[in-house]
PDB file of N, CA and C in Angstrom:
ATOM      1  N   TRP A   1      18.935 166.368  15.669  1.00  0.00           N
ATOM      2  CA  TRP A   1      18.838 167.023  16.960  1.00  0.00           C
ATOM      3  C   TRP A   1      20.063 167.901  17.157  1.00  0.00           C
ATOM      4  N   SER A   2      19.834 169.071  17.711  1.00  0.00           N
ATOM      5  CA  SER A   2      20.934 170.011  17.895  1.00  0.00           C
ATOM      6  C   SER A   2      20.952 170.500  19.328  1.00  0.00           C
ATOM      7  N   SER A   3      22.123 170.587  19.914  1.00  0.00           N
ATOM      8  CA  SER A   3      22.225 171.019  21.305  1.00  0.00           C
ATOM      9  C   SER A   3      22.219 172.538  21.456  1.00  0.00           C
ATOM     10  N   ASP A   4      22.241 173.277  20.353  1.00  0.00           N
ATOM     11  CA  ASP A   4      22.241 174.734  20.425  1.00  0.00           C
ATOM     12  C   ASP A   4      20.851 175.297  20.121  1.00  0.00           C
ATOM     13  N   VAL A   5      19.866 174.814  20.854  1.00  0.00           N
ATOM     14  CA  VAL A   5      18.482 175.202  20.650  1.00  0.00           C
ATOM     15  C   VAL A   5      18.127 176.331  21.600  1.00  0.00           C
ATOM     16  N   CYS A   6      17.403 177.328  21.107  1.00  0.00           N
ATOM     17  CA  CYS A   6      16.966 178.450  21.927  1.00  0.00           C
ATOM     18  C   CYS A   6      15.660 178.105  22.628  1.00  0.00           C
ATOM     19  N   SER A   7      15.423 178.726  23.764  1.00  0.00           N
ATOM     20  CA  SER A   7      14.187 178.497  24.497  1.00  0.00           C
ATOM     21  C   SER A   7      12.981 178.940  23.687  1.00  0.00           C
ATOM     22  N   SER A   8      13.129 179.997  22.902  1.00  0.00           N
ATOM     23  CA  SER A   8      12.010 180.469  22.081  1.00  0.00           C
ATOM     24  C   SER A   8      11.641 179.426  21.026  1.00  0.00           C
ATOM     25  N   ASP A   9      12.634 178.724  20.496  1.00  0.00           N
ATOM     26  CA  ASP A   9      12.354 177.655  19.536  1.00  0.00           C
ATOM     27  C   ASP A   9      11.631 176.502  20.210  1.00  0.00           C
ATOM     28  N   LEU A  10      12.001 176.210  21.444  1.00  0.00           N
ATOM     29  CA  LEU A  10      11.382 175.106  22.164  1.00  0.00           C
ATOM     30  C   LEU A  10       9.922 175.400  22.486  1.00  0.00           C
ATOM     31  N   ARG A  11       9.604 176.650  22.743  1.00  0.00           N
ATOM     32  CA  ARG A  11       8.228 177.011  23.093  1.00  0.00           C
ATOM     33  C   ARG A  11       7.268 176.818  21.918  1.00  0.00           C
ATOM     34  N   GLU A  12       7.798 176.752  20.708  1.00  0.00           N
ATOM     35  CA  GLU A  12       6.960 176.544  19.534  1.00  0.00           C
ATOM     36  C   GLU A  12       6.604 175.078  19.321  1.00  0.00           C
ATOM     37  N   LEU A  13       7.270 174.170  20.022  1.00  0.00           N
ATOM     38  CA  LEU A  13       7.024 172.741  19.855  1.00  0.00           C
ATOM     39  C   LEU A  13       5.814 172.298  20.673  1.00  0.00           C
ATOM     40  N   SER A  14       5.183 171.203  20.224  1.00  0.00           N
ATOM     41  CA  SER A  14       4.072 170.632  20.982  1.00  0.00           C
ATOM     42  C   SER A  14       4.638 169.829  22.158  1.00  0.00           C
ATOM     43  N   ASN A  15       3.750 169.433  23.063  1.00  0.00           N
ATOM     44  CA  ASN A  15       4.185 168.653  24.228  1.00  0.00           C
ATOM     45  C   ASN A  15       4.836 167.338  23.797  1.00  0.00           C
ATOM     46  N   ASP A  16       4.235 166.659  22.834  1.00  0.00           N
ATOM     47  CA  ASP A  16       4.804 165.394  22.352  1.00  0.00           C
ATOM     48  C   ASP A  16       6.196 165.605  21.768  1.00  0.00           C
ATOM     49  N   GLN A  17       6.362 166.686  21.022  1.00  0.00           N
ATOM     50  CA  GLN A  17       7.672 166.977  20.434  1.00  0.00           C
ATOM     51  C   GLN A  17       8.696 167.298  21.515  1.00  0.00           C
ATOM     52  N   LEU A  18       8.257 167.991  22.582  1.00  0.00           N
ATOM     53  CA  LEU A  18       9.173 168.312  23.679  1.00  0.00           C
ATOM     54  C   LEU A  18       9.663 167.035  24.356  1.00  0.00           C
ATOM     55  N   TYR A  19       8.730 166.122  24.624  1.00  0.00           N
ATOM     56  CA  TYR A  19       9.131 164.864  25.267  1.00  0.00           C
ATOM     57  C   TYR A  19      10.023 164.032  24.353  1.00  0.00           C
ATOM     58  N   GLU A  20       9.769 164.083  23.058  1.00  0.00           N
ATOM     59  CA  GLU A  20      10.612 163.369  22.098  1.00  0.00           C
ATOM     60  C   GLU A  20      12.031 163.951  22.101  1.00  0.00           C
ATOM     61  N   GLU A  21      12.126 165.278  22.082  1.00  0.00           N
ATOM     62  CA  GLU A  21      13.431 165.937  22.120  1.00  0.00           C
ATOM     63  C   GLU A  21      14.155 165.636  23.432  1.00  0.00           C
ATOM     64  N   LEU A  22      13.405 165.582  24.525  1.00  0.00           N
ATOM     65  CA  LEU A  22      14.003 165.266  25.823  1.00  0.00           C
ATOM     66  C   LEU A  22      14.603 163.863  25.806  1.00  0.00           C
ATOM     67  N   GLY A  23      13.898 162.923  25.211  1.00  0.00           N
ATOM     68  CA  GLY A  23      14.418 161.561  25.088  1.00  0.00           C
ATOM     69  C   GLY A  23      15.679 161.497  24.246  1.00  0.00           C
ATOM     70  N   LYS A  24      15.670 162.231  23.138  1.00  0.00           N
ATOM     71  CA  LYS A  24      16.852 162.266  22.265  1.00  0.00           C
ATOM     72  C   LYS A  24      18.049 162.871  22.996  1.00  0.00           C
ATOM     73  N   ALA A  25      17.793 163.949  23.741  1.00  0.00           N
ATOM     74  CA  ALA A  25      18.876 164.618  24.459  1.00  0.00           C
ATOM     75  C   ALA A  25      19.441 163.712  25.552  1.00  0.00           C
ATOM     76  N   ALA A  26      18.569 162.985  26.230  1.00  0.00           N
ATOM     77  CA  ALA A  26      19.027 162.079  27.284  1.00  0.00           C
ATOM     78  C   ALA A  26      19.896 160.965  26.696  1.00  0.00           C
ATOM     79  N   LYS A  27      19.496 160.434  25.543  1.00  0.00           N
ATOM     80  CA  LYS A  27      20.303 159.400  24.885  1.00  0.00           C
ATOM     81  C   LYS A  27      21.653 159.960  24.448  1.00  0.00           C
ATOM     82  N   GLU A  28      21.621 161.183  23.924  1.00  0.00           N
ATOM     83  CA  GLU A  28      22.860 161.826  23.494  1.00  0.00           C
ATOM     84  C   GLU A  28      23.810 162.024  24.671  1.00  0.00           C
ATOM     85  N   LEU A  29      23.259 162.458  25.811  1.00  0.00           N
ATOM     86  CA  LEU A  29      24.090 162.652  26.998  1.00  0.00           C
ATOM     87  C   LEU A  29      24.689 161.328  27.457  1.00  0.00           C
ATOM     88  N   MET A  30      23.901 160.254  27.413  1.00  0.00           N
ATOM     89  CA  MET A  30      24.411 158.945  27.793  1.00  0.00           C
ATOM     90  C   MET A  30      25.566 158.528  26.869  1.00  0.00           C
ATOM     91  N   ASN A  31      25.390 158.759  25.563  1.00  0.00           N
ATOM     92  CA  ASN A  31      26.449 158.428  24.604  1.00  0.00           C
ATOM     93  C   ASN A  31      27.707 159.251  24.856  1.00  0.00           C
ATOM     94  N   LEU A  32      27.527 160.528  25.175  1.00  0.00           N
ATOM     95  CA  LEU A  32      28.679 161.387  25.456  1.00  0.00           C
ATOM     96  C   LEU A  32      29.404 160.941  26.723  1.00  0.00           C
ATOM     97  N   ARG A  33      28.645 160.551  27.733  1.00  0.00           N
ATOM     98  CA  ARG A  33      29.279 160.062  28.967  1.00  0.00           C
ATOM     99  C   ARG A  33      30.057 158.787  28.708  1.00  0.00           C
ATOM    100  N   PHE A  34      29.502 157.914  27.866  1.00  0.00           N
ATOM    101  CA  PHE A  34      30.200 156.688  27.517  1.00  0.00           C
ATOM    102  C   PHE A  34      31.484 157.015  26.759  1.00  0.00           C
ATOM    103  N   SER A  35      31.408 157.949  25.834  1.00  0.00           N
ATOM    104  CA  SER A  35      32.601 158.358  25.077  1.00  0.00           C
ATOM    105  C   SER A  35      33.652 158.955  25.997  1.00  0.00           C
ATOM    106  N   ALA A  36      33.212 159.730  26.976  1.00  0.00           N
ATOM    107  CA  ALA A  36      34.159 160.327  27.921  1.00  0.00           C
ATOM    108  C   ALA A  36      34.826 159.249  28.770  1.00  0.00           C
ATOM    109  N   ALA A  37      34.061 158.243  29.158  1.00  0.00           N
ATOM    110  CA  ALA A  37      34.613 157.175  29.998  1.00  0.00           C
ATOM    111  C   ALA A  37      35.644 156.339  29.250  1.00  0.00           C
ATOM    112  N   THR A  38      35.479 156.247  27.936  1.00  0.00           N
ATOM    113  CA  THR A  38      36.417 155.458  27.139  1.00  0.00           C
ATOM    114  C   THR A  38      37.469 156.330  26.459  1.00  0.00           C
ATOM    115  N   ASN A  39      37.576 157.576  26.894  1.00  0.00           N
ATOM    116  CA  ASN A  39      38.550 158.531  26.357  1.00  0.00           C
ATOM    117  C   ASN A  39      38.427 158.734  24.851  1.00  0.00           C
ATOM    118  N   GLN A  40      37.203 158.726  24.345  1.00  0.00           N
ATOM    119  CA  GLN A  40      36.976 158.959  22.925  1.00  0.00           C
ATOM    120  C   GLN A  40      36.271 160.286  22.677  1.00  0.00           C
ATOM    121  N   LEU A  41      36.025 161.051  23.716  1.00  0.00           N
ATOM    122  CA  LEU A  41      35.310 162.316  23.587  1.00  0.00           C
ATOM    123  C   LEU A  41      36.273 163.387  23.065  1.00  0.00           C
ATOM    124  N   THR A  42      35.925 163.992  21.940  1.00  0.00           N
ATOM    125  CA  THR A  42      36.798 165.006  21.354  1.00  0.00           C
ATOM    126  C   THR A  42      36.457 166.406  21.852  1.00  0.00           C
ATOM    127  N   ASN A  43      35.169 166.701  22.022  1.00  0.00           N
ATOM    128  CA  ASN A  43      34.750 168.023  22.482  1.00  0.00           C
ATOM    129  C   ASN A  43      34.242 167.890  23.919  1.00  0.00           C
ATOM    130  N   THR A  44      35.032 168.326  24.861  1.00  0.00           N
ATOM    131  CA  THR A  44      34.675 168.144  26.272  1.00  0.00           C
ATOM    132  C   THR A  44      33.579 169.104  26.726  1.00  0.00           C
ATOM    133  N   ASN A  45      33.233 170.094  25.914  1.00  0.00           N
ATOM    134  CA  ASN A  45      32.164 171.026  26.267  1.00  0.00           C
ATOM    135  C   ASN A  45      30.789 170.499  25.885  1.00  0.00           C
ATOM    136  N   GLU A  46      30.746 169.497  25.054  1.00  0.00           N
ATOM    137  CA  GLU A  46      29.472 169.002  24.537  1.00  0.00           C
ATOM    138  C   GLU A  46      28.536 168.447  25.614  1.00  0.00           C
ATOM    139  N   PRO A  47      29.012 167.666  26.591  1.00  0.00           N
ATOM    140  CA  PRO A  47      28.075 167.186  27.628  1.00  0.00           C
ATOM    141  C   PRO A  47      27.399 168.329  28.383  1.00  0.00           C
ATOM    142  N   GLY A  48      28.111 169.382  28.650  1.00  0.00           N
ATOM    143  CA  GLY A  48      27.528 170.530  29.333  1.00  0.00           C
ATOM    144  C   GLY A  48      26.448 171.201  28.504  1.00  0.00           C
ATOM    145  N   ALA A  49      26.683 171.287  27.199  1.00  0.00           N
ATOM    146  CA  ALA A  49      25.690 171.891  26.305  1.00  0.00           C
ATOM    147  C   ALA A  49      24.429 171.041  26.251  1.00  0.00           C
ATOM    148  N   VAL A  50      24.594 169.734  26.246  1.00  0.00           N
ATOM    149  CA  VAL A  50      23.434 168.845  26.217  1.00  0.00           C
ATOM    150  C   VAL A  50      22.669 168.941  27.536  1.00  0.00           C
ATOM    151  N   LYS A  51      23.389 169.054  28.648  1.00  0.00           N
ATOM    152  CA  LYS A  51      22.724 169.220  29.948  1.00  0.00           C
ATOM    153  C   LYS A  51      21.893 170.498  29.977  1.00  0.00           C
ATOM    154  N   LYS A  52      22.427 171.565  29.401  1.00  0.00           N
ATOM    155  CA  LYS A  52      21.684 172.824  29.359  1.00  0.00           C
ATOM    156  C   LYS A  52      20.432 172.690  28.492  1.00  0.00           C
ATOM    157  N   THR A  53      20.551 171.957  27.395  1.00  0.00           N
ATOM    158  CA  THR A  53      19.389 171.733  26.536  1.00  0.00           C
ATOM    159  C   THR A  53      18.324 170.939  27.280  1.00  0.00           C
ATOM    160  N   ILE A  54      18.747 169.924  28.028  1.00  0.00           N
ATOM    161  CA  ILE A  54      17.803 169.133  28.823  1.00  0.00           C
ATOM    162  C   ILE A  54      17.111 170.028  29.850  1.00  0.00           C
ATOM    163  N   ALA A  55      17.863 170.908  30.479  1.00  0.00           N
ATOM    164  CA  ALA A  55      17.288 171.830  31.453  1.00  0.00           C
ATOM    165  C   ALA A  55      16.284 172.759  30.788  1.00  0.00           C
ATOM    166  N   ARG A  56      16.587 173.247  29.590  1.00  0.00           N
ATOM    167  CA  ARG A  56      15.658 174.125  28.871  1.00  0.00           C
ATOM    168  C   ARG A  56      14.365 173.381  28.539  1.00  0.00           C
ATOM    169  N   LEU A  57      14.516 172.137  28.068  1.00  0.00           N
ATOM    170  CA  LEU A  57      13.336 171.336  27.746  1.00  0.00           C
ATOM    171  C   LEU A  57      12.465 171.123  28.980  1.00  0.00           C
ATOM    172  N   ARG A  58      13.097 170.747  30.078  1.00  0.00           N
ATOM    173  CA  ARG A  58      12.337 170.512  31.310  1.00  0.00           C
ATOM    174  C   ARG A  58      11.676 171.786  31.816  1.00  0.00           C
ATOM    175  N   THR A  59      12.331 172.928  31.627  1.00  0.00           N
ATOM    176  CA  THR A  59      11.754 174.210  32.051  1.00  0.00           C
ATOM    177  C   THR A  59      10.494 174.520  31.256  1.00  0.00           C
ATOM    178  N   VAL A  60      10.545 174.347  29.949  1.00  0.00           N
ATOM    179  CA  VAL A  60       9.380 174.622  29.114  1.00  0.00           C
ATOM    180  C   VAL A  60       8.238 173.664  29.454  1.00  0.00           C
ATOM    181  N   ILE A  61       8.564 172.392  29.672  1.00  0.00           N
ATOM    182  CA  ILE A  61       7.541 171.411  30.043  1.00  0.00           C
ATOM    183  C   ILE A  61       6.900 171.805  31.368  1.00  0.00           C
ATOM    184  N   ARG A  62       7.700 172.199  32.322  1.00  0.00           N
ATOM    185  CA  ARG A  62       7.181 172.585  33.638  1.00  0.00           C
ATOM    186  C   ARG A  62       6.335 173.853  33.557  1.00  0.00           C
ATOM    187  N   GLU A  63       6.749 174.816  32.735  1.00  0.00           N
ATOM    188  CA  GLU A  63       5.963 176.040  32.565  1.00  0.00           C
ATOM    189  C   GLU A  63       4.572 175.706  32.019  1.00  0.00           C
ATOM    190  N   ARG A  64       4.509 174.777  31.094  1.00  0.00           N
ATOM    191  CA  ARG A  64       3.214 174.382  30.540  1.00  0.00           C
ATOM    192  C   ARG A  64       2.360 173.658  31.571  1.00  0.00           C
ATOM    193  N   GLU A  65       2.989 172.830  32.409  1.00  0.00           N
ATOM    194  CA  GLU A  65       2.245 172.151  33.472  1.00  0.00           C
ATOM    195  C   GLU A  65       1.638 173.171  34.428  1.00  0.00           C
ATOM    196  N   ILE A  66       2.389 174.196  34.761  1.00  0.00           N
ATOM    197  CA  ILE A  66       1.913 175.234  35.687  1.00  0.00           C
ATOM    198  C   ILE A  66       0.766 176.014  35.041  1.00  0.00           C
ATOM    199  N   GLN A  67       0.886 176.325  33.743  1.00  0.00           N
ATOM    200  CA  GLN A  67      -0.171 177.055  33.046  1.00  0.00           C
ATOM    201  C   GLN A  67      -1.468 176.249  33.022  1.00  0.00           C
ATOM    202  N   GLU A  68      -1.358 174.946  32.771  1.00  0.00           N
ATOM    203  CA  GLU A  68      -2.548 174.099  32.699  1.00  0.00           C
ATOM    204  C   GLU A  68      -3.210 173.956  34.057  1.00  0.00           C
ATOM    205  N   ALA A  69      -2.418 173.937  35.123  1.00  0.00           N
ATOM    206  CA  ALA A  69      -2.964 173.790  36.467  1.00  0.00           C
ATOM    207  C   ALA A  69      -3.604 175.090  36.959  1.00  0.00           C
ATOM    208  N   GLY A  70      -3.064 176.211  36.533  1.00  0.00           N
ATOM    209  CA  GLY A  70      -3.519 177.500  37.037  1.00  0.00           C
ATOM    210  C   GLY A  70      -4.508 178.127  36.175  1.00  0.00           C
TER     211      GLY A  70
END
């Protein structure tokens, strides 16, 4: 899993793959928060990048929900 994913790459994934990636990203963010709390986080920009990836995933999922409804 990589936090530097483009939205165009995400649009090529299936719904199941999007939800799987969302789960992986959420776990990664939890691990990063734990590392930050224990002062073991080396790259302080990484949690922000993971948050942006989660936002991109949720945006693509929501766009598909809107398309299916409309």
